Amino acid sequence: MVTVIIADDQPLIRQAVRDILGDAGILVVGEVATGRDAVRAVERESPDVVLMDIRMPDLDGIAATAEICAEGAGGRTRVLILTTFEEDEYVVAALRAGASGFIGKGAEPEEIVRAVLTIDRGDSLLSSAATRALIERSLRAADASPRVPDQVLLDALTDREREVMLLVAGGLTNQEIAETLTISPHTAKTHVNRTMMKLGARDRAQLVILAYEWGLVVPGV
């Protein structure tokens, strides 16, 4: 059974999400109202997924996500961000901190259930294309400049892995990468996984963020 902690400072949101997940056979093992309590609950319960609000007292959802996703801190626990449409820059920060996806608070019940199950399988709950659009909007709004890439990490990639990273950042699926490079989907998936491992990326969303942050992909180009 999939286990979940709900972190949101609004009791009505927590109750609604608990009911939705419970009806789908997903076990809610904790409800908390602050980011600090979310970190403590993860340490205590080791849930499969945390549904994390961004704006909470004590410790916000971004900082809590970073602590949970730090190496060894949350184990296999993955974070799904609960967001509103006005929070682009915060969502990007949460993805950078290690979140595996995001979903709007106005999502339909079946979408929330599907999101939790997707995250639990180890997949990202967003397409690379969606991540790319989100990052582009955030960078334009902040007029941000790329940060210096970690050359040691980049040098650890093979030419093919760098190519794959750019294709992922361009929004291509494994199937589309396979067609572009004339390789099998299995080989494409292997390249993606090895690239994530070498760069310390938890999922594809992290690859997209690194490609933009390091200036390997230019917004709007």
N, C-alpha and C. Protein backbone atom coordinates (compact mmCIF):
# COMPACT_ATOMS: atom_id res chain seq x y z
N MET A 1 0.84 -1.20 0.00
CA MET A 1 0.00 0.00 0.00
C MET A 1 0.88 1.25 0.00
N VAL A 2 0.51 2.22 -0.82
CA VAL A 2 1.24 3.48 -0.89
C VAL A 2 0.93 4.31 0.35
N THR A 3 1.97 4.86 0.98
CA THR A 3 1.80 5.68 2.17
C THR A 3 2.14 7.14 1.87
N VAL A 4 1.37 8.05 2.46
CA VAL A 4 1.49 9.47 2.14
C VAL A 4 1.43 10.33 3.40
N ILE A 5 2.19 11.41 3.41
CA ILE A 5 2.04 12.47 4.40
C ILE A 5 1.55 13.72 3.68
N ILE A 6 0.56 14.39 4.25
CA ILE A 6 0.02 15.61 3.67
C ILE A 6 0.54 16.79 4.49
N ALA A 7 1.23 17.72 3.83
CA ALA A 7 1.76 18.90 4.51
C ALA A 7 1.11 20.14 3.93
N ASP A 8 0.19 20.74 4.68
CA ASP A 8 -0.51 21.94 4.23
C ASP A 8 -1.05 22.64 5.47
N ASP A 9 -0.96 23.96 5.50
CA ASP A 9 -1.42 24.67 6.70
C ASP A 9 -2.92 24.94 6.70
N GLN A 10 -3.63 24.46 5.68
CA GLN A 10 -5.08 24.64 5.64
C GLN A 10 -5.77 23.31 5.98
N PRO A 11 -6.44 23.23 7.12
CA PRO A 11 -7.09 21.98 7.54
C PRO A 11 -8.06 21.43 6.51
N LEU A 12 -8.80 22.31 5.82
CA LEU A 12 -9.78 21.83 4.84
C LEU A 12 -9.09 21.14 3.66
N ILE A 13 -7.93 21.66 3.25
CA ILE A 13 -7.17 21.03 2.17
C ILE A 13 -6.70 19.66 2.62
N ARG A 14 -6.16 19.59 3.82
CA ARG A 14 -5.66 18.30 4.33
C ARG A 14 -6.78 17.27 4.39
N GLN A 15 -7.93 17.68 4.90
CA GLN A 15 -9.04 16.75 5.03
C GLN A 15 -9.53 16.29 3.66
N ALA A 16 -9.64 17.22 2.72
CA ALA A 16 -10.12 16.87 1.38
C ALA A 16 -9.17 15.88 0.71
N VAL A 17 -7.88 16.15 0.80
CA VAL A 17 -6.91 15.26 0.17
C VAL A 17 -6.89 13.90 0.86
N ARG A 18 -7.00 13.89 2.21
CA ARG A 18 -7.05 12.62 2.94
C ARG A 18 -8.22 11.78 2.46
N ASP A 19 -9.40 12.39 2.32
CA ASP A 19 -10.59 11.66 1.89
C ASP A 19 -10.41 11.10 0.47
N ILE A 20 -9.85 11.92 -0.41
CA ILE A 20 -9.63 11.50 -1.80
C ILE A 20 -8.70 10.30 -1.86
N LEU A 21 -7.59 10.38 -1.13
CA LEU A 21 -6.61 9.30 -1.16
C LEU A 21 -7.14 8.05 -0.46
N GLY A 22 -7.86 8.25 0.65
CA GLY A 22 -8.42 7.11 1.37
C GLY A 22 -9.40 6.33 0.52
N ASP A 23 -10.23 7.03 -0.25
CA ASP A 23 -11.19 6.37 -1.12
C ASP A 23 -10.50 5.54 -2.21
N ALA A 24 -9.24 5.90 -2.52
CA ALA A 24 -8.49 5.19 -3.55
C ALA A 24 -7.58 4.10 -2.96
N GLY A 25 -7.69 3.88 -1.65
CA GLY A 25 -6.87 2.84 -1.02
C GLY A 25 -5.45 3.26 -0.72
N ILE A 26 -5.20 4.57 -0.71
CA ILE A 26 -3.87 5.09 -0.37
C ILE A 26 -3.89 5.51 1.10
N LEU A 27 -2.90 5.06 1.86
CA LEU A 27 -2.88 5.27 3.30
C LEU A 27 -2.18 6.58 3.67
N VAL A 28 -2.91 7.48 4.30
CA VAL A 28 -2.33 8.72 4.82
C VAL A 28 -1.80 8.44 6.22
N VAL A 29 -0.48 8.52 6.39
CA VAL A 29 0.14 8.18 7.68
C VAL A 29 0.46 9.41 8.51
N GLY A 30 0.14 10.58 7.97
CA GLY A 30 0.38 11.78 8.74
C GLY A 30 -0.15 13.02 8.07
N GLU A 31 -0.59 13.99 8.88
CA GLU A 31 -1.00 15.30 8.40
C GLU A 31 -0.27 16.34 9.23
N VAL A 32 0.36 17.31 8.58
CA VAL A 32 1.10 18.34 9.29
C VAL A 32 0.80 19.70 8.68
N ALA A 33 1.05 20.75 9.47
CA ALA A 33 0.71 22.11 9.03
C ALA A 33 1.94 22.98 8.81
N THR A 34 3.13 22.46 9.09
CA THR A 34 4.35 23.26 8.88
C THR A 34 5.41 22.42 8.17
N GLY A 35 6.34 23.11 7.54
CA GLY A 35 7.43 22.41 6.88
C GLY A 35 8.30 21.64 7.85
N ARG A 36 8.55 22.22 9.01
CA ARG A 36 9.37 21.54 10.02
C ARG A 36 8.73 20.25 10.47
N ASP A 37 7.42 20.30 10.68
CA ASP A 37 6.71 19.07 11.08
C ASP A 37 6.70 18.06 9.94
N ALA A 38 6.71 18.53 8.70
CA ALA A 38 6.78 17.61 7.56
C ALA A 38 8.09 16.83 7.58
N VAL A 39 9.19 17.53 7.83
CA VAL A 39 10.50 16.86 7.89
C VAL A 39 10.51 15.83 9.02
N ARG A 40 10.00 16.21 10.18
CA ARG A 40 9.96 15.29 11.32
C ARG A 40 9.08 14.08 11.03
N ALA A 41 7.94 14.32 10.37
CA ALA A 41 7.03 13.22 10.06
C ALA A 41 7.66 12.24 9.08
N VAL A 42 8.42 12.76 8.11
CA VAL A 42 9.11 11.88 7.16
C VAL A 42 10.15 11.04 7.89
N GLU A 43 10.88 11.64 8.80
CA GLU A 43 11.88 10.90 9.56
C GLU A 43 11.23 9.80 10.39
N ARG A 44 10.03 10.08 10.87
CA ARG A 44 9.34 9.13 11.74
C ARG A 44 8.62 8.03 10.96
N GLU A 45 7.97 8.40 9.85
CA GLU A 45 7.09 7.47 9.15
C GLU A 45 7.70 6.88 7.87
N SER A 46 8.69 7.53 7.29
CA SER A 46 9.29 7.10 6.01
C SER A 46 8.21 6.80 4.97
N PRO A 47 7.37 7.78 4.65
CA PRO A 47 6.29 7.54 3.68
C PRO A 47 6.84 7.41 2.26
N ASP A 48 6.01 6.92 1.39
CA ASP A 48 6.40 6.83 -0.03
C ASP A 48 6.38 8.21 -0.67
N VAL A 49 5.37 9.01 -0.32
CA VAL A 49 5.17 10.32 -0.97
C VAL A 49 4.77 11.36 0.07
N VAL A 50 5.27 12.58 -0.11
CA VAL A 50 4.79 13.73 0.66
C VAL A 50 4.09 14.68 -0.29
N LEU A 51 2.85 15.02 0.02
CA LEU A 51 2.14 16.07 -0.71
C LEU A 51 2.45 17.36 0.02
N MET A 52 3.23 18.24 -0.60
CA MET A 52 3.82 19.39 0.08
C MET A 52 3.30 20.73 -0.43
N ASP A 53 2.68 21.49 0.46
CA ASP A 53 2.32 22.87 0.14
C ASP A 53 3.60 23.71 0.13
N ILE A 54 3.61 24.81 -0.62
CA ILE A 54 4.80 25.65 -0.68
C ILE A 54 4.84 26.66 0.46
N ARG A 55 3.73 27.34 0.69
CA ARG A 55 3.73 28.40 1.70
C ARG A 55 3.17 27.87 3.02
N MET A 56 4.07 27.66 3.97
CA MET A 56 3.69 27.18 5.29
C MET A 56 4.53 27.89 6.34
N PRO A 57 4.02 27.98 7.57
CA PRO A 57 4.80 28.62 8.63
C PRO A 57 5.94 27.73 9.11
N ASP A 58 6.83 28.34 9.89
CA ASP A 58 7.96 27.65 10.52
C ASP A 58 9.06 27.33 9.52
N LEU A 59 8.74 26.51 8.52
CA LEU A 59 9.68 26.17 7.45
C LEU A 59 8.84 26.00 6.19
N ASP A 60 9.16 26.74 5.13
CA ASP A 60 8.31 26.65 3.95
C ASP A 60 8.53 25.33 3.21
N GLY A 61 7.66 25.07 2.25
CA GLY A 61 7.70 23.79 1.54
C GLY A 61 8.96 23.57 0.74
N ILE A 62 9.57 24.65 0.25
CA ILE A 62 10.81 24.52 -0.53
C ILE A 62 11.95 24.05 0.36
N ALA A 63 12.12 24.70 1.51
CA ALA A 63 13.18 24.30 2.44
C ALA A 63 12.93 22.90 2.98
N ALA A 64 11.66 22.59 3.27
CA ALA A 64 11.34 21.25 3.76
C ALA A 64 11.64 20.19 2.71
N THR A 65 11.33 20.51 1.46
CA THR A 65 11.63 19.58 0.36
C THR A 65 13.13 19.33 0.26
N ALA A 66 13.91 20.39 0.37
CA ALA A 66 15.36 20.26 0.29
C ALA A 66 15.89 19.35 1.39
N GLU A 67 15.36 19.48 2.59
CA GLU A 67 15.81 18.64 3.69
C GLU A 67 15.41 17.19 3.48
N ILE A 68 14.19 16.98 3.01
CA ILE A 68 13.69 15.62 2.79
C ILE A 68 14.45 14.92 1.67
N CYS A 69 14.77 15.69 0.62
CA CYS A 69 15.41 15.10 -0.55
C CYS A 69 16.93 15.08 -0.46
N ALA A 70 17.49 15.64 0.62
CA ALA A 70 18.93 15.58 0.80
C ALA A 70 19.36 14.13 0.89
N GLU A 71 20.56 13.85 0.44
CA GLU A 71 21.04 12.48 0.36
C GLU A 71 20.88 11.77 1.70
N GLY A 72 20.12 10.67 1.68
CA GLY A 72 19.94 9.86 2.86
C GLY A 72 18.86 10.34 3.81
N ALA A 73 18.42 11.58 3.67
CA ALA A 73 17.48 12.14 4.64
C ALA A 73 16.10 11.50 4.54
N GLY A 74 15.57 11.45 3.33
CA GLY A 74 14.21 10.94 3.17
C GLY A 74 14.14 9.53 2.62
N GLY A 75 15.30 8.90 2.43
CA GLY A 75 15.28 7.55 1.86
C GLY A 75 14.66 7.58 0.48
N ARG A 76 13.65 6.76 0.28
CA ARG A 76 12.99 6.72 -1.02
C ARG A 76 11.79 7.66 -1.09
N THR A 77 11.55 8.43 -0.03
CA THR A 77 10.42 9.35 -0.02
C THR A 77 10.55 10.38 -1.13
N ARG A 78 9.47 10.56 -1.86
CA ARG A 78 9.46 11.53 -2.95
C ARG A 78 8.43 12.61 -2.65
N VAL A 79 8.68 13.80 -3.18
CA VAL A 79 7.85 14.96 -2.85
C VAL A 79 7.04 15.41 -4.07
N LEU A 80 5.75 15.60 -3.85
CA LEU A 80 4.84 16.14 -4.86
C LEU A 80 4.33 17.48 -4.35
N ILE A 81 4.59 18.54 -5.11
CA ILE A 81 4.23 19.89 -4.68
C ILE A 81 2.76 20.19 -4.99
N LEU A 82 2.06 20.71 -3.98
CA LEU A 82 0.71 21.25 -4.16
C LEU A 82 0.85 22.74 -4.42
N THR A 83 0.32 23.20 -5.52
CA THR A 83 0.60 24.58 -5.90
C THR A 83 -0.62 25.30 -6.46
N THR A 84 -0.48 26.61 -6.57
CA THR A 84 -1.47 27.43 -7.27
C THR A 84 -0.80 28.00 -8.51
N PHE A 85 -1.58 28.55 -9.41
CA PHE A 85 -1.04 29.00 -10.68
C PHE A 85 -0.10 30.21 -10.54
N GLU A 86 -0.15 30.89 -9.40
CA GLU A 86 0.66 32.09 -9.22
C GLU A 86 2.06 31.81 -8.71
N GLU A 87 2.46 30.56 -8.59
CA GLU A 87 3.68 30.23 -7.87
C GLU A 87 4.80 29.66 -8.75
N ASP A 88 4.87 30.09 -10.00
CA ASP A 88 5.87 29.56 -10.92
C ASP A 88 7.28 29.51 -10.34
N GLU A 89 7.75 30.66 -9.85
CA GLU A 89 9.14 30.72 -9.38
C GLU A 89 9.34 29.81 -8.17
N TYR A 90 8.31 29.66 -7.35
CA TYR A 90 8.43 28.79 -6.19
C TYR A 90 8.44 27.32 -6.60
N VAL A 91 7.65 26.99 -7.61
CA VAL A 91 7.64 25.61 -8.11
C VAL A 91 9.00 25.24 -8.67
N VAL A 92 9.60 26.14 -9.43
CA VAL A 92 10.93 25.88 -9.97
C VAL A 92 11.92 25.66 -8.83
N ALA A 93 11.83 26.49 -7.79
CA ALA A 93 12.72 26.33 -6.65
C ALA A 93 12.50 24.98 -5.96
N ALA A 94 11.25 24.56 -5.88
CA ALA A 94 10.95 23.27 -5.26
C ALA A 94 11.48 22.11 -6.10
N LEU A 95 11.35 22.21 -7.41
CA LEU A 95 11.90 21.18 -8.28
C LEU A 95 13.42 21.13 -8.15
N ARG A 96 14.03 22.31 -8.06
CA ARG A 96 15.47 22.38 -7.88
C ARG A 96 15.87 21.73 -6.56
N ALA A 97 15.01 21.86 -5.56
CA ALA A 97 15.29 21.30 -4.24
C ALA A 97 15.12 19.79 -4.20
N GLY A 98 14.51 19.23 -5.25
CA GLY A 98 14.38 17.77 -5.32
C GLY A 98 12.99 17.22 -5.48
N ALA A 99 11.98 18.10 -5.55
CA ALA A 99 10.61 17.61 -5.76
C ALA A 99 10.50 16.90 -7.10
N SER A 100 9.61 15.93 -7.15
CA SER A 100 9.47 15.11 -8.35
C SER A 100 8.32 15.53 -9.25
N GLY A 101 7.64 16.59 -8.87
CA GLY A 101 6.54 17.05 -9.72
C GLY A 101 5.65 18.01 -8.96
N PHE A 102 4.62 18.47 -9.62
CA PHE A 102 3.69 19.39 -8.98
C PHE A 102 2.30 19.20 -9.53
N ILE A 103 1.32 19.57 -8.71
CA ILE A 103 -0.08 19.46 -9.13
C ILE A 103 -0.84 20.61 -8.50
N GLY A 104 -1.80 21.16 -9.23
CA GLY A 104 -2.58 22.28 -8.74
C GLY A 104 -3.57 21.86 -7.67
N LYS A 105 -3.84 22.76 -6.74
CA LYS A 105 -4.79 22.47 -5.68
C LYS A 105 -6.21 22.31 -6.20
N GLY A 106 -6.44 22.79 -7.40
CA GLY A 106 -7.78 22.65 -7.99
C GLY A 106 -7.95 21.41 -8.84
N ALA A 107 -6.98 20.50 -8.78
CA ALA A 107 -7.05 19.28 -9.60
C ALA A 107 -8.23 18.40 -9.20
N GLU A 108 -8.72 17.63 -10.17
CA GLU A 108 -9.80 16.69 -9.90
C GLU A 108 -9.28 15.55 -9.01
N PRO A 109 -10.17 14.93 -8.22
CA PRO A 109 -9.74 13.85 -7.33
C PRO A 109 -8.94 12.75 -8.02
N GLU A 110 -9.39 12.32 -9.20
CA GLU A 110 -8.67 11.25 -9.89
C GLU A 110 -7.28 11.69 -10.33
N GLU A 111 -7.12 13.00 -10.60
CA GLU A 111 -5.81 13.51 -10.98
C GLU A 111 -4.85 13.46 -9.79
N ILE A 112 -5.35 13.77 -8.61
CA ILE A 112 -4.52 13.73 -7.41
C ILE A 112 -4.07 12.30 -7.12
N VAL A 113 -5.00 11.37 -7.24
CA VAL A 113 -4.66 9.95 -7.02
C VAL A 113 -3.62 9.49 -8.03
N ARG A 114 -3.86 9.81 -9.28
CA ARG A 114 -2.92 9.41 -10.34
C ARG A 114 -1.54 10.04 -10.11
N ALA A 115 -1.54 11.27 -9.63
CA ALA A 115 -0.27 11.96 -9.37
C ALA A 115 0.53 11.24 -8.30
N VAL A 116 -0.12 10.88 -7.21
CA VAL A 116 0.57 10.19 -6.12
C VAL A 116 1.12 8.84 -6.59
N LEU A 117 0.33 8.11 -7.35
CA LEU A 117 0.77 6.80 -7.84
C LEU A 117 1.93 6.95 -8.84
N THR A 118 1.88 7.99 -9.64
CA THR A 118 2.96 8.24 -10.59
C THR A 118 4.27 8.53 -9.87
N ILE A 119 4.20 9.40 -8.87
CA ILE A 119 5.39 9.74 -8.09
C ILE A 119 5.91 8.50 -7.36
N ASP A 120 5.01 7.69 -6.82
CA ASP A 120 5.42 6.50 -6.09
C ASP A 120 6.17 5.51 -6.99
N ARG A 121 5.80 5.46 -8.26
CA ARG A 121 6.49 4.55 -9.20
C ARG A 121 7.91 5.02 -9.51
N GLY A 122 8.24 6.22 -9.11
CA GLY A 122 9.57 6.75 -9.40
C GLY A 122 9.60 7.63 -10.63
N ASP A 123 8.44 7.93 -11.20
CA ASP A 123 8.37 8.81 -12.36
C ASP A 123 8.17 10.25 -11.93
N SER A 124 8.45 11.18 -12.85
CA SER A 124 8.19 12.59 -12.58
C SER A 124 6.76 12.92 -13.00
N LEU A 125 6.11 13.73 -12.19
CA LEU A 125 4.74 14.13 -12.55
C LEU A 125 4.77 15.43 -13.32
N LEU A 126 5.38 15.39 -14.48
CA LEU A 126 5.39 16.50 -15.40
C LEU A 126 6.20 16.06 -16.59
N SER A 127 5.81 16.55 -17.73
CA SER A 127 6.63 16.26 -18.90
C SER A 127 7.82 17.19 -18.90
N SER A 128 8.88 16.78 -19.57
CA SER A 128 10.03 17.67 -19.69
C SER A 128 9.63 18.98 -20.36
N ALA A 129 8.69 18.89 -21.30
CA ALA A 129 8.23 20.09 -21.99
C ALA A 129 7.55 21.05 -21.02
N ALA A 130 6.75 20.50 -20.09
CA ALA A 130 6.08 21.34 -19.10
C ALA A 130 7.10 21.99 -18.18
N THR A 131 8.11 21.22 -17.80
CA THR A 131 9.16 21.77 -16.95
C THR A 131 9.89 22.89 -17.67
N ARG A 132 10.17 22.65 -18.94
CA ARG A 132 10.88 23.65 -19.74
C ARG A 132 10.10 24.96 -19.80
N ALA A 133 8.80 24.87 -20.07
CA ALA A 133 7.97 26.08 -20.15
C ALA A 133 7.94 26.81 -18.81
N LEU A 134 7.86 26.04 -17.73
CA LEU A 134 7.83 26.61 -16.40
C LEU A 134 9.13 27.35 -16.10
N ILE A 135 10.25 26.72 -16.41
CA ILE A 135 11.56 27.33 -16.14
C ILE A 135 11.75 28.57 -17.00
N GLU A 136 11.35 28.51 -18.26
CA GLU A 136 11.50 29.66 -19.14
C GLU A 136 10.73 30.86 -18.60
N ARG A 137 9.51 30.63 -18.14
CA ARG A 137 8.71 31.73 -17.58
C ARG A 137 9.39 32.31 -16.34
N SER A 138 9.90 31.41 -15.50
CA SER A 138 10.55 31.84 -14.27
C SER A 138 11.81 32.64 -14.56
N LEU A 139 12.63 32.17 -15.50
CA LEU A 139 13.88 32.86 -15.81
C LEU A 139 13.61 34.23 -16.45
N ARG A 140 12.60 34.28 -17.32
CA ARG A 140 12.27 35.56 -17.94
C ARG A 140 11.81 36.57 -16.89
N ALA A 141 10.97 36.08 -15.96
CA ALA A 141 10.43 36.97 -14.93
C ALA A 141 11.54 37.50 -14.03
N ALA A 142 12.54 36.65 -13.77
CA ALA A 142 13.62 37.05 -12.86
C ALA A 142 14.80 37.66 -13.60
N ASP A 143 14.76 37.61 -14.93
CA ASP A 143 15.88 38.07 -15.74
C ASP A 143 17.17 37.42 -15.25
N ALA A 144 17.08 36.09 -15.01
CA ALA A 144 18.19 35.37 -14.39
C ALA A 144 19.26 35.00 -15.42
N SER A 145 20.50 34.96 -14.94
CA SER A 145 21.63 34.53 -15.76
C SER A 145 22.02 33.12 -15.38
N PRO A 146 22.55 32.35 -16.33
CA PRO A 146 22.96 30.99 -16.01
C PRO A 146 24.07 30.99 -14.97
N ARG A 147 24.07 29.97 -14.11
CA ARG A 147 25.17 29.85 -13.17
C ARG A 147 26.25 28.96 -13.78
N VAL A 148 27.44 29.06 -13.28
CA VAL A 148 28.57 28.30 -13.85
C VAL A 148 28.32 26.82 -13.65
N PRO A 149 28.41 26.02 -14.72
CA PRO A 149 28.17 24.59 -14.58
C PRO A 149 29.26 23.91 -13.78
N ASP A 150 28.92 22.79 -13.18
CA ASP A 150 29.90 21.97 -12.48
C ASP A 150 30.68 21.20 -13.54
N GLN A 151 31.87 21.68 -13.86
CA GLN A 151 32.64 21.11 -14.96
C GLN A 151 33.03 19.67 -14.70
N VAL A 152 33.27 19.34 -13.45
CA VAL A 152 33.63 17.95 -13.11
C VAL A 152 32.49 17.01 -13.46
N LEU A 153 31.27 17.42 -13.12
CA LEU A 153 30.11 16.59 -13.44
C LEU A 153 29.89 16.51 -14.94
N LEU A 154 30.01 17.66 -15.60
CA LEU A 154 29.83 17.67 -17.06
C LEU A 154 30.87 16.79 -17.76
N ASP A 155 32.10 16.86 -17.29
CA ASP A 155 33.16 16.07 -17.91
C ASP A 155 32.97 14.58 -17.70
N ALA A 156 32.18 14.22 -16.69
CA ALA A 156 31.92 12.80 -16.44
C ALA A 156 30.95 12.20 -17.44
N LEU A 157 30.23 13.08 -18.17
CA LEU A 157 29.27 12.60 -19.16
C LEU A 157 29.97 12.26 -20.47
N THR A 158 29.50 11.21 -21.11
CA THR A 158 29.97 10.93 -22.46
C THR A 158 29.30 11.90 -23.43
N ASP A 159 29.80 11.95 -24.65
CA ASP A 159 29.19 12.82 -25.66
C ASP A 159 27.73 12.45 -25.86
N ARG A 160 27.44 11.17 -25.87
CA ARG A 160 26.06 10.72 -26.06
C ARG A 160 25.19 11.13 -24.89
N GLU A 161 25.71 11.05 -23.68
CA GLU A 161 24.93 11.42 -22.51
C GLU A 161 24.65 12.92 -22.49
N ARG A 162 25.60 13.74 -22.94
CA ARG A 162 25.33 15.17 -23.04
C ARG A 162 24.24 15.43 -24.07
N GLU A 163 24.31 14.70 -25.16
CA GLU A 163 23.30 14.84 -26.21
C GLU A 163 21.92 14.47 -25.67
N VAL A 164 21.87 13.39 -24.92
CA VAL A 164 20.61 12.93 -24.34
C VAL A 164 20.08 13.96 -23.35
N MET A 165 20.96 14.54 -22.55
CA MET A 165 20.55 15.56 -21.58
C MET A 165 19.87 16.73 -22.28
N LEU A 166 20.43 17.17 -23.39
CA LEU A 166 19.86 18.28 -24.14
C LEU A 166 18.51 17.91 -24.76
N LEU A 167 18.40 16.66 -25.19
CA LEU A 167 17.13 16.21 -25.75
C LEU A 167 16.05 16.14 -24.68
N VAL A 168 16.42 15.68 -23.49
CA VAL A 168 15.48 15.67 -22.38
C VAL A 168 15.05 17.10 -22.06
N ALA A 169 16.02 18.01 -22.03
CA ALA A 169 15.71 19.42 -21.75
C ALA A 169 14.83 20.03 -22.83
N GLY A 170 14.89 19.47 -24.04
CA GLY A 170 14.06 19.94 -25.13
C GLY A 170 12.65 19.40 -25.10
N GLY A 171 12.37 18.55 -24.10
CA GLY A 171 11.01 18.03 -23.93
C GLY A 171 10.75 16.69 -24.56
N LEU A 172 11.78 16.00 -25.04
CA LEU A 172 11.58 14.72 -25.72
C LEU A 172 11.40 13.57 -24.72
N THR A 173 10.52 12.66 -25.05
CA THR A 173 10.34 11.44 -24.28
C THR A 173 11.43 10.44 -24.66
N ASN A 174 11.51 9.33 -23.93
CA ASN A 174 12.49 8.30 -24.28
C ASN A 174 12.25 7.77 -25.69
N GLN A 175 10.98 7.61 -26.06
CA GLN A 175 10.66 7.12 -27.39
C GLN A 175 11.14 8.10 -28.46
N GLU A 176 10.92 9.38 -28.21
CA GLU A 176 11.34 10.40 -29.18
C GLU A 176 12.86 10.52 -29.24
N ILE A 177 13.52 10.36 -28.09
CA ILE A 177 14.98 10.36 -28.08
C ILE A 177 15.51 9.19 -28.90
N ALA A 178 14.87 8.02 -28.72
CA ALA A 178 15.29 6.84 -29.47
C ALA A 178 15.16 7.07 -30.97
N GLU A 179 14.06 7.68 -31.39
CA GLU A 179 13.85 7.94 -32.81
C GLU A 179 14.85 8.97 -33.34
N THR A 180 15.14 9.98 -32.52
CA THR A 180 16.08 11.03 -32.95
C THR A 180 17.49 10.48 -33.11
N LEU A 181 17.89 9.60 -32.20
CA LEU A 181 19.26 9.09 -32.20
C LEU A 181 19.39 7.74 -32.91
N THR A 182 18.25 7.23 -33.40
CA THR A 182 18.22 5.92 -34.06
C THR A 182 18.78 4.83 -33.15
N ILE A 183 18.22 4.78 -31.95
CA ILE A 183 18.57 3.74 -30.99
C ILE A 183 17.27 3.16 -30.44
N SER A 184 17.36 2.11 -29.66
CA SER A 184 16.16 1.51 -29.09
C SER A 184 15.67 2.33 -27.90
N PRO A 185 14.37 2.28 -27.59
CA PRO A 185 13.86 2.98 -26.40
C PRO A 185 14.56 2.53 -25.13
N HIS A 186 14.89 1.24 -25.05
CA HIS A 186 15.59 0.74 -23.87
C HIS A 186 16.96 1.40 -23.72
N THR A 187 17.67 1.53 -24.84
CA THR A 187 18.98 2.18 -24.81
C THR A 187 18.83 3.66 -24.43
N ALA A 188 17.80 4.30 -24.97
CA ALA A 188 17.56 5.71 -24.62
C ALA A 188 17.31 5.85 -23.12
N LYS A 189 16.50 4.96 -22.57
CA LYS A 189 16.21 5.00 -21.14
C LYS A 189 17.48 4.78 -20.33
N THR A 190 18.34 3.86 -20.79
CA THR A 190 19.60 3.59 -20.10
C THR A 190 20.48 4.83 -20.08
N HIS A 191 20.56 5.53 -21.22
CA HIS A 191 21.36 6.76 -21.29
C HIS A 191 20.81 7.82 -20.34
N VAL A 192 19.49 7.96 -20.32
CA VAL A 192 18.87 8.95 -19.43
C VAL A 192 19.18 8.62 -17.98
N ASN A 193 19.03 7.35 -17.61
CA ASN A 193 19.27 6.94 -16.23
C ASN A 193 20.73 7.15 -15.83
N ARG A 194 21.65 6.82 -16.73
CA ARG A 194 23.07 7.01 -16.42
C ARG A 194 23.41 8.49 -16.27
N THR A 195 22.80 9.31 -17.11
CA THR A 195 23.03 10.75 -17.03
C THR A 195 22.53 11.29 -15.69
N MET A 196 21.33 10.87 -15.29
CA MET A 196 20.80 11.30 -14.00
C MET A 196 21.70 10.86 -12.87
N MET A 197 22.19 9.63 -12.93
CA MET A 197 23.04 9.10 -11.87
C MET A 197 24.34 9.90 -11.76
N LYS A 198 24.96 10.19 -12.89
CA LYS A 198 26.24 10.92 -12.88
C LYS A 198 26.08 12.35 -12.36
N LEU A 199 24.93 12.95 -12.63
CA LEU A 199 24.72 14.33 -12.23
C LEU A 199 24.02 14.45 -10.87
N GLY A 200 23.67 13.31 -10.29
CA GLY A 200 22.98 13.34 -9.02
C GLY A 200 21.57 13.86 -9.12
N ALA A 201 20.95 13.67 -10.29
CA ALA A 201 19.57 14.13 -10.51
C ALA A 201 18.59 13.04 -10.11
N ARG A 202 17.57 13.41 -9.37
CA ARG A 202 16.58 12.43 -8.91
C ARG A 202 15.67 11.96 -10.03
N ASP A 203 15.44 12.82 -11.02
CA ASP A 203 14.54 12.47 -12.11
C ASP A 203 14.78 13.39 -13.29
N ARG A 204 13.94 13.24 -14.33
CA ARG A 204 14.12 14.01 -15.57
C ARG A 204 13.95 15.50 -15.34
N ALA A 205 13.06 15.87 -14.44
CA ALA A 205 12.86 17.29 -14.16
C ALA A 205 14.15 17.95 -13.72
N GLN A 206 14.94 17.22 -12.93
CA GLN A 206 16.22 17.76 -12.47
C GLN A 206 17.18 17.97 -13.63
N LEU A 207 17.14 17.08 -14.63
CA LEU A 207 18.00 17.26 -15.80
C LEU A 207 17.64 18.53 -16.56
N VAL A 208 16.35 18.78 -16.69
CA VAL A 208 15.91 19.99 -17.39
C VAL A 208 16.39 21.23 -16.64
N ILE A 209 16.23 21.23 -15.34
CA ILE A 209 16.63 22.38 -14.53
C ILE A 209 18.13 22.62 -14.64
N LEU A 210 18.93 21.55 -14.56
CA LEU A 210 20.39 21.70 -14.67
C LEU A 210 20.78 22.26 -16.04
N ALA A 211 20.15 21.76 -17.09
CA ALA A 211 20.47 22.22 -18.44
C ALA A 211 20.22 23.71 -18.59
N TYR A 212 19.14 24.22 -17.98
CA TYR A 212 18.84 25.64 -18.05
C TYR A 212 19.72 26.45 -17.12
N GLU A 213 19.92 25.95 -15.90
CA GLU A 213 20.73 26.69 -14.94
C GLU A 213 22.18 26.82 -15.41
N TRP A 214 22.67 25.80 -16.08
CA TRP A 214 24.06 25.81 -16.53
C TRP A 214 24.22 26.50 -17.89
N GLY A 215 23.11 26.99 -18.45
CA GLY A 215 23.19 27.70 -19.71
C GLY A 215 23.39 26.81 -20.92
N LEU A 216 23.14 25.50 -20.76
CA LEU A 216 23.27 24.57 -21.89
C LEU A 216 22.10 24.73 -22.84
N VAL A 217 20.98 25.21 -22.32
CA VAL A 217 19.80 25.52 -23.12
C VAL A 217 19.42 26.96 -22.81
N VAL A 218 19.11 27.74 -23.82
CA VAL A 218 18.77 29.14 -23.65
C VAL A 218 17.26 29.31 -23.79
N PRO A 219 16.59 29.91 -22.81
CA PRO A 219 15.14 30.10 -22.91
C PRO A 219 14.73 30.79 -24.20
N GLY A 220 13.71 30.22 -24.84
CA GLY A 220 13.18 30.83 -26.04
C GLY A 220 13.91 30.47 -27.31
N VAL A 221 14.99 29.67 -27.18
CA VAL A 221 15.78 29.29 -28.37
C VAL A 221 15.53 27.84 -28.70
